Amino acid sequence: MTRPSIPFIDLAAQQKRIRGKVDAAVAKVLDHGQYILGPEVTRLEKEMAEFSNVKHAIACSNGTDALTLCLMAKGVGPGDVVICPSFTFASTAEVVAQLGATPFFVDIDEDSYNIDPEKLKAAINEAKSAGDAVKGVIAVDLFGQPADYDAIEPITRDAGLWLLCDAAQGYGGVYKDRKVGNFGDFTTTSFFPAKPLGCYGDGGAIYTNDDETAELLRSLLFHGKGSDRYDNIRIGMNGRLDTMQAAILIEKLAIFSEEITWRNQIADRYANGLSNVVKVPRIADGSTSVWAQYVVRAPGKNRQAILSRLSEQGVPTAVYYPKPLHQQTAYRDFPQASAGLPVSETLAQDVFALPMHPYLDEETQTYIIEQVADAVRAV
């Protein structure tokens, strides 16, 4: 097979498909000139709420701000402790520390890459026994698969804690017939361009079924405004989504369900072709991943040697994440479960991601599978 040119994520193919509609949507915004909180923002929120079967979808400036707004809504500040996984992108813990609170790191499940419910329960008990003011938990839907919410929700509820679901990589997923957006106190997502549902800049959203929470979040993202924008009733931030990005997201949301189906077909082809070569992801029964990344493992193998061989053959790869948060300079002094985080540390040494996007054709994917098999067996 002739070596193809392979993008890791092919945003160009998607744009080519919807370019005419995007151009028209952007032109409409330019014509009406309501660049902040224009009608497209309201429409996007309505369509996202319908897509997710959730009462409120609140568009905001980016996924990190979405997390921050939720913590602000819960009054998180100095002296508070928030439990979260270490094997995730920095934003999950960053927002806790920025508000003066303390992230408490806990380990993940080896198969799902998401927070381990039993280790979460042990961490809550440990932190409370030490006198820590534990206020909440951030669960992450890593790589596109929802966390084990049937186990996590009762653990947090019984402990009197709030639950924030970080679905920056998992929006569009399904867990036990419940769509992402319907778990915990609220769910956040990111519309960073490389995400399964991404805009052409920064963007994010928060989902909740609670009316009062939705009203509070809308105030916080608009400088804490009350009924009068010049009578701010609380300390907020500038967290609004631009109208232009909302217009683009409306067109992308229209094809999102079909793209999720294609992502799952591609994931199935990877699993069928690579399950005897590497450890492929395992999706929990009743769950649907949106496959933000397709991450495999080659335990006991030299990962760098594998990646180098793949690069030589034109196959792009990425490592999510080479160093867990609790080992990173900015976060290594924050507390962690006394049992340690051995799963996070082990996975960081052997995971790597393969090209994944809805427009990955079967011929190219066959080439990728062949090259991965050759590279793994050669090292």
Protein backbone atom coordinates (compact mmCIF):
# COMPACT_ATOMS: atom_id res chain seq x y z
CA MET A 1 0.00 0.00 0.00
CA THR A 2 1.27 3.47 -0.87
CA ARG A 3 2.03 5.41 2.26
CA PRO A 4 -0.81 7.93 2.75
CA SER A 5 -0.57 11.41 4.25
CA ILE A 6 -2.24 10.99 7.61
CA PRO A 7 -3.48 13.83 9.83
CA PHE A 8 -3.85 13.01 13.53
CA ILE A 9 -7.17 14.89 13.60
CA ASP A 10 -8.64 15.94 10.26
CA LEU A 11 -10.51 19.19 10.82
CA ALA A 12 -10.12 20.10 7.16
CA ALA A 13 -12.28 17.20 5.99
CA GLN A 14 -15.09 18.23 8.30
CA GLN A 15 -14.81 21.86 7.28
CA LYS A 16 -14.97 20.93 3.61
CA ARG A 17 -18.23 19.10 4.29
CA ILE A 18 -19.95 22.05 6.00
CA ARG A 19 -17.99 25.03 4.66
CA GLY A 20 -20.95 26.52 2.79
CA LYS A 21 -23.18 26.40 5.85
CA VAL A 22 -20.46 27.80 8.09
CA ASP A 23 -19.78 30.65 5.68
CA ALA A 24 -23.49 31.49 5.60
CA ALA A 25 -23.74 31.33 9.39
CA VAL A 26 -20.74 33.62 9.89
CA ALA A 27 -22.07 36.03 7.25
CA LYS A 28 -25.37 36.21 9.10
CA VAL A 29 -23.57 37.24 12.29
CA LEU A 30 -21.60 39.87 10.37
CA ASP A 31 -24.87 41.18 8.95
CA HIS A 32 -26.72 41.54 12.26
CA GLY A 33 -23.61 42.65 14.17
CA GLN A 34 -24.56 41.18 17.57
CA TYR A 35 -21.12 39.75 18.25
CA ILE A 36 -21.69 39.18 21.97
CA LEU A 37 -24.78 37.24 23.16
CA GLY A 38 -26.36 37.33 19.73
CA PRO A 39 -29.35 35.14 18.84
CA GLU A 40 -27.09 32.27 17.78
CA VAL A 41 -25.94 31.80 21.39
CA THR A 42 -29.53 31.33 22.56
CA ARG A 43 -30.24 28.96 19.70
CA LEU A 44 -27.12 26.91 20.37
CA GLU A 45 -28.00 26.56 24.05
CA LYS A 46 -31.51 25.37 23.18
CA GLU A 47 -30.22 22.82 20.67
CA MET A 48 -27.51 21.54 23.04
CA ALA A 49 -30.08 21.09 25.81
CA GLU A 50 -32.30 19.11 23.44
CA PHE A 51 -29.36 17.03 22.23
CA SER A 52 -28.35 16.16 25.78
CA ASN A 53 -31.87 15.73 27.21
CA VAL A 54 -30.92 18.25 29.88
CA LYS A 55 -32.89 21.25 31.11
CA HIS A 56 -30.20 23.92 30.84
CA ALA A 57 -27.20 24.30 28.55
CA ILE A 58 -25.15 27.40 29.28
CA ALA A 59 -22.57 28.41 26.69
CA CYS A 60 -19.37 30.01 27.94
CA SER A 61 -15.90 31.12 26.90
CA ASN A 62 -13.96 27.82 27.19
CA GLY A 63 -13.85 24.52 29.01
CA THR A 64 -11.54 25.76 31.76
CA ASP A 65 -13.81 28.72 32.51
CA ALA A 66 -16.75 26.30 32.57
CA LEU A 67 -15.07 24.38 35.40
CA THR A 68 -14.18 27.60 37.21
CA LEU A 69 -17.74 28.89 37.01
CA CYS A 70 -19.07 25.68 38.55
CA LEU A 71 -16.61 25.92 41.44
CA MET A 72 -17.53 29.59 41.92
CA ALA A 73 -21.20 28.59 42.01
CA LYS A 74 -20.35 26.20 44.85
CA GLY A 75 -18.38 28.87 46.71
CA VAL A 76 -15.09 26.98 46.54
CA GLY A 77 -12.19 28.86 48.10
CA PRO A 78 -9.24 28.73 50.52
CA GLY A 79 -9.42 25.86 52.99
CA ASP A 80 -11.61 23.70 50.78
CA VAL A 81 -10.51 20.37 49.35
CA VAL A 82 -11.72 18.99 46.02
CA ILE A 83 -10.94 15.41 45.03
CA CYS A 84 -10.01 14.74 41.40
CA PRO A 85 -8.01 12.28 39.31
CA SER A 86 -4.34 12.90 38.56
CA PHE A 87 -4.39 11.25 35.13
CA THR A 88 -6.05 14.11 33.24
CA PHE A 89 -5.31 17.45 31.61
CA ALA A 90 -4.16 20.21 33.96
CA SER A 91 -7.42 22.21 33.80
CA THR A 92 -9.18 19.74 36.09
CA ALA A 93 -6.96 20.58 39.06
CA GLU A 94 -5.84 24.01 37.89
CA VAL A 95 -9.24 25.58 38.49
CA VAL A 96 -9.28 24.28 42.07
CA ALA A 97 -5.87 25.73 42.88
CA GLN A 98 -6.63 29.04 41.17
CA LEU A 99 -9.49 29.62 43.58
CA GLY A 100 -7.20 28.99 46.53
CA ALA A 101 -8.59 25.54 47.28
CA THR A 102 -6.64 22.27 47.39
CA PRO A 103 -6.87 19.50 44.80
CA PHE A 104 -6.58 16.04 46.36
CA PHE A 105 -5.41 13.47 43.83
CA VAL A 106 -6.84 9.98 43.54
CA ASP A 107 -6.04 7.07 41.22
CA ILE A 108 -7.94 5.79 38.19
CA ASP A 109 -9.36 2.52 36.91
CA GLU A 110 -6.91 0.75 34.61
CA ASP A 111 -9.49 -0.19 31.97
CA SER A 112 -11.56 2.99 31.65
CA TYR A 113 -8.86 5.56 32.55
CA ASN A 114 -11.51 7.26 34.69
CA ILE A 115 -11.57 7.80 38.43
CA ASP A 116 -11.75 4.51 40.38
CA PRO A 117 -14.90 4.55 42.56
CA GLU A 118 -13.42 2.41 45.32
CA LYS A 119 -10.30 4.52 45.49
CA LEU A 120 -12.49 7.62 45.48
CA LYS A 121 -14.44 6.33 48.48
CA ALA A 122 -11.21 5.55 50.33
CA ALA A 123 -9.78 8.99 49.51
CA ILE A 124 -12.88 10.76 50.81
CA ASN A 125 -12.75 8.85 54.08
CA GLU A 126 -9.02 9.44 54.40
CA ALA A 127 -9.24 13.16 53.77
CA LYS A 128 -12.18 13.63 56.12
CA SER A 129 -10.43 11.60 58.84
CA ALA A 130 -7.47 13.96 58.52
CA GLY A 131 -9.78 16.89 59.15
CA ASP A 132 -9.79 18.20 55.59
CA ALA A 133 -12.78 20.29 54.52
CA VAL A 134 -13.70 18.09 51.57
CA LYS A 135 -16.41 19.85 49.55
CA GLY A 136 -16.69 18.07 46.23
CA VAL A 137 -15.43 15.72 43.55
CA ILE A 138 -14.50 16.32 39.93
CA ALA A 139 -14.91 13.20 37.80
CA VAL A 140 -13.43 13.23 34.29
CA ASP A 141 -14.82 11.45 31.21
CA LEU A 142 -11.35 10.78 29.84
CA PHE A 143 -10.75 10.08 26.16
CA GLY A 144 -14.51 10.17 25.48
CA GLN A 145 -15.93 7.50 27.80
CA PRO A 146 -18.22 8.57 30.67
CA ALA A 147 -17.02 7.73 34.17
CA ASP A 148 -18.78 5.07 36.28
CA TYR A 149 -21.52 7.35 37.55
CA ASP A 150 -23.71 4.57 38.95
CA ALA A 151 -20.95 4.04 41.50
CA ILE A 152 -19.66 7.61 41.81
CA GLU A 153 -22.97 9.43 42.36
CA PRO A 154 -24.01 7.50 45.51
CA ILE A 155 -20.49 7.77 46.94
CA THR A 156 -20.50 11.56 46.66
CA ARG A 157 -24.12 11.85 47.77
CA ASP A 158 -23.59 9.70 50.88
CA ALA A 159 -20.52 11.78 51.76
CA GLY A 160 -22.48 15.03 51.43
CA LEU A 161 -20.33 16.23 48.52
CA TRP A 162 -21.20 17.89 45.25
CA LEU A 163 -20.17 16.25 41.97
CA LEU A 164 -18.81 18.12 38.96
CA CYS A 165 -18.47 16.07 35.77
CA ASP A 166 -15.63 17.21 33.50
CA ALA A 167 -16.74 16.12 30.03
CA ALA A 168 -14.24 18.21 28.06
CA GLN A 169 -13.50 15.00 26.15
CA GLY A 170 -16.78 13.19 26.70
CA TYR A 171 -19.62 15.40 25.50
CA GLY A 172 -21.97 13.36 23.34
CA GLY A 173 -21.30 10.15 25.24
CA VAL A 174 -23.92 7.92 26.84
CA TYR A 175 -23.81 6.04 30.15
CA LYS A 176 -26.52 3.49 30.95
CA ASP A 177 -29.05 5.22 28.65
CA ARG A 178 -28.29 8.62 30.20
CA LYS A 179 -26.61 11.22 28.04
CA VAL A 180 -23.58 13.11 29.30
CA GLY A 181 -24.86 16.28 30.93
CA ASN A 182 -27.26 14.51 33.28
CA PHE A 183 -24.91 13.44 36.05
CA GLY A 184 -23.95 15.06 39.33
CA ASP A 185 -24.64 18.70 40.09
CA PHE A 186 -23.42 19.84 36.68
CA THR A 187 -21.35 18.84 33.69
CA THR A 188 -18.88 20.91 31.71
CA THR A 189 -17.44 20.54 28.24
CA SER A 190 -14.91 22.21 25.97
CA PHE A 191 -15.31 23.29 22.36
CA PHE A 192 -11.57 23.53 21.73
CA PRO A 193 -11.15 22.84 17.97
CA ALA A 194 -9.69 19.34 18.43
CA LYS A 195 -12.53 18.14 20.66
CA PRO A 196 -15.23 15.86 19.18
CA LEU A 197 -17.52 18.90 19.04
CA GLY A 198 -15.22 21.87 18.54
CA CYS A 199 -15.52 25.43 17.31
CA TYR A 200 -12.94 27.51 15.42
CA GLY A 201 -11.51 29.10 18.53
CA ASP A 202 -12.26 28.70 22.23
CA GLY A 203 -15.62 27.80 23.68
CA GLY A 204 -17.28 25.72 26.36
CA ALA A 205 -20.57 24.92 28.06
CA ILE A 206 -22.16 23.88 31.34
CA TYR A 207 -25.16 21.55 31.67
CA THR A 208 -27.51 21.31 34.62
CA ASN A 209 -31.08 20.33 35.42
CA ASP A 210 -31.37 22.79 38.31
CA ASP A 211 -33.06 26.13 37.59
CA GLU A 212 -31.38 28.07 40.41
CA THR A 213 -27.94 26.78 39.47
CA ALA A 214 -28.47 27.78 35.85
CA GLU A 215 -29.52 31.29 36.87
CA LEU A 216 -26.49 31.63 39.14
CA LEU A 217 -24.10 30.45 36.43
CA ARG A 218 -25.52 32.93 33.91
CA SER A 219 -24.90 35.72 36.38
CA LEU A 220 -21.36 34.58 37.18
CA LEU A 221 -20.30 34.38 33.53
CA PHE A 222 -21.51 37.96 32.97
CA HIS A 223 -19.51 39.69 35.73
CA GLY A 224 -22.02 38.69 38.40
CA LYS A 225 -24.81 40.82 37.00
CA GLY A 226 -28.31 40.95 38.44
CA SER A 227 -31.42 42.12 36.61
CA ASP A 228 -29.50 45.29 35.76
CA ARG A 229 -26.10 44.75 34.10
CA TYR A 230 -24.77 47.77 36.00
CA ASP A 231 -25.88 46.42 39.36
CA ASN A 232 -23.59 43.44 39.85
CA ILE A 233 -24.87 41.38 42.75
CA ARG A 234 -21.88 39.03 43.09
CA ILE A 235 -18.26 38.75 41.98
CA GLY A 236 -18.20 37.08 38.59
CA MET A 237 -16.05 36.90 35.49
CA ASN A 238 -16.23 37.52 31.75
CA GLY A 239 -17.10 34.04 30.56
CA ARG A 240 -19.41 34.62 27.59
CA LEU A 241 -19.25 32.65 24.33
CA ASP A 242 -18.78 34.75 21.19
CA THR A 243 -21.74 34.75 18.80
CA MET A 244 -19.48 33.80 15.90
CA GLN A 245 -18.40 30.59 17.63
CA ALA A 246 -22.00 29.78 18.52
CA ALA A 247 -22.98 30.12 14.86
CA ILE A 248 -20.23 27.68 13.86
CA LEU A 249 -21.15 25.22 16.61
CA ILE A 250 -24.78 25.14 15.47
CA GLU A 251 -23.64 23.75 12.12
CA LYS A 252 -21.27 21.28 13.74
CA LEU A 253 -23.90 20.10 16.23
CA ALA A 254 -26.20 19.32 13.29
CA ILE A 255 -23.81 16.57 12.10
CA PHE A 256 -22.48 15.55 15.52
CA SER A 257 -24.65 12.43 15.98
CA GLU A 258 -23.55 11.06 12.62
CA GLU A 259 -19.91 11.80 13.43
CA ILE A 260 -20.22 9.94 16.74
CA THR A 261 -21.49 6.90 14.84
CA TRP A 262 -18.53 7.10 12.48
CA ARG A 263 -16.09 7.49 15.39
CA ASN A 264 -17.44 4.30 16.92
CA GLN A 265 -17.12 2.43 13.63
CA ILE A 266 -13.49 3.53 13.42
CA ALA A 267 -12.90 2.48 17.03
CA ASP A 268 -14.36 -0.95 16.25
CA ARG A 269 -11.98 -1.35 13.30
CA TYR A 270 -9.04 -0.46 15.53
CA ALA A 271 -10.18 -2.96 18.17
CA ASN A 272 -10.63 -5.72 15.62
CA GLY A 273 -7.23 -5.08 14.07
CA LEU A 274 -5.14 -4.42 17.14
CA SER A 275 -6.60 -6.39 20.06
CA ASN A 276 -3.96 -9.10 19.63
CA VAL A 277 -1.14 -6.57 19.38
CA VAL A 278 -1.77 -3.92 22.03
CA LYS A 279 -4.19 -3.37 24.86
CA VAL A 280 -7.14 -1.59 23.26
CA PRO A 281 -9.73 0.49 25.16
CA ARG A 282 -12.62 -1.29 26.81
CA ILE A 283 -15.99 0.43 26.92
CA ALA A 284 -18.30 -0.37 29.82
CA ASP A 285 -21.57 -2.15 29.06
CA GLY A 286 -24.32 0.32 28.28
CA SER A 287 -21.88 3.15 27.56
CA THR A 288 -20.98 4.93 24.34
CA SER A 289 -17.70 6.77 23.92
CA VAL A 290 -17.25 9.74 21.60
CA TRP A 291 -13.60 8.73 21.18
CA ALA A 292 -11.95 12.08 21.73
CA GLN A 293 -8.76 10.02 21.51
CA TYR A 294 -8.11 6.40 20.68
CA VAL A 295 -5.55 5.39 23.28
CA VAL A 296 -3.79 2.03 23.35
CA ARG A 297 -1.18 0.48 25.61
CA ALA A 298 1.88 -1.65 24.98
CA PRO A 299 2.92 -2.79 28.47
CA GLY A 300 6.51 -3.91 28.72
CA LYS A 301 7.43 -2.41 25.36
CA ASN A 302 9.64 0.57 24.59
CA ARG A 303 7.03 3.20 23.81
CA GLN A 304 9.45 5.70 22.34
CA ALA A 305 10.83 3.08 19.98
CA ILE A 306 7.28 2.29 18.83
CA LEU A 307 6.44 5.95 18.29
CA SER A 308 9.68 6.54 16.40
CA ARG A 309 8.98 3.64 14.04
CA LEU A 310 5.45 4.89 13.43
CA SER A 311 6.72 8.40 12.73
CA GLU A 312 9.14 7.00 10.15
CA GLN A 313 6.18 5.39 8.40
CA GLY A 314 4.10 8.57 8.44
CA VAL A 315 1.75 7.57 11.24
CA PRO A 316 1.24 10.45 13.71
CA THR A 317 0.78 9.67 17.40
CA ALA A 318 0.40 11.54 20.68
CA VAL A 319 0.85 10.71 24.35
CA TYR A 320 -1.95 11.60 26.77
CA TYR A 321 -0.48 12.01 29.39
CA PRO A 322 3.27 11.49 29.83
CA LYS A 323 3.25 12.73 33.43
CA PRO A 324 0.30 12.58 35.86
CA LEU A 325 -0.58 15.85 37.59
CA HIS A 326 0.72 14.74 40.98
CA GLN A 327 4.19 14.41 39.44
CA GLN A 328 4.17 17.76 37.66
CA THR A 329 6.08 20.70 39.13
CA ALA A 330 3.06 22.90 39.83
CA TYR A 331 1.01 20.12 41.49
CA ARG A 332 3.44 17.74 43.17
CA ASP A 333 3.06 19.32 46.61
CA PHE A 334 -0.71 18.88 46.73
CA PRO A 335 -2.06 15.92 48.73
CA GLN A 336 -2.77 12.52 47.28
CA ALA A 337 -4.24 9.27 48.54
CA SER A 338 -1.88 7.53 50.95
CA ALA A 339 -2.05 4.36 48.85
CA GLY A 340 -0.39 6.29 46.06
CA LEU A 341 -1.41 6.48 42.43
CA PRO A 342 0.30 3.45 40.87
CA VAL A 343 -2.17 3.01 38.01
CA SER A 344 -1.78 6.61 36.88
CA GLU A 345 1.99 6.32 37.03
CA THR A 346 2.04 3.02 35.11
CA LEU A 347 -0.31 4.17 32.37
CA ALA A 348 1.68 7.35 31.85
CA GLN A 349 4.61 5.18 30.79
CA ASP A 350 2.93 3.05 28.14
CA VAL A 351 -0.16 4.76 26.64
CA PHE A 352 -0.18 6.34 23.20
CA ALA A 353 -2.93 7.66 20.94
CA LEU A 354 -3.56 6.86 17.28
CA PRO A 355 -5.27 9.04 14.66
CA MET A 356 -8.98 9.38 15.43
CA HIS A 357 -11.59 11.49 13.69
CA PRO A 358 -14.86 10.79 11.85
CA TYR A 359 -13.28 11.08 8.40
CA LEU A 360 -10.58 8.42 8.77
CA ASP A 361 -11.14 6.19 5.73
CA GLU A 362 -10.83 2.41 5.94
CA GLU A 363 -7.82 2.16 3.62
CA THR A 364 -5.80 4.65 5.65
CA GLN A 365 -6.84 3.00 8.89
CA THR A 366 -5.77 -0.41 7.57
CA TYR A 367 -2.34 1.07 6.88
CA ILE A 368 -2.18 2.50 10.42
CA ILE A 369 -3.13 -0.85 11.95
CA GLU A 370 -0.48 -2.67 9.91
CA GLN A 371 2.21 -0.18 10.92
CA VAL A 372 1.28 -0.32 14.61
CA ALA A 373 1.42 -4.11 14.54
CA ASP A 374 4.81 -4.09 12.82
CA ALA A 375 6.21 -1.45 15.20
CA VAL A 376 5.05 -3.19 18.38
CA ARG A 377 6.31 -6.58 17.29
CA ALA A 378 9.68 -5.13 16.25
CA VAL A 379 10.58 -3.65 19.65
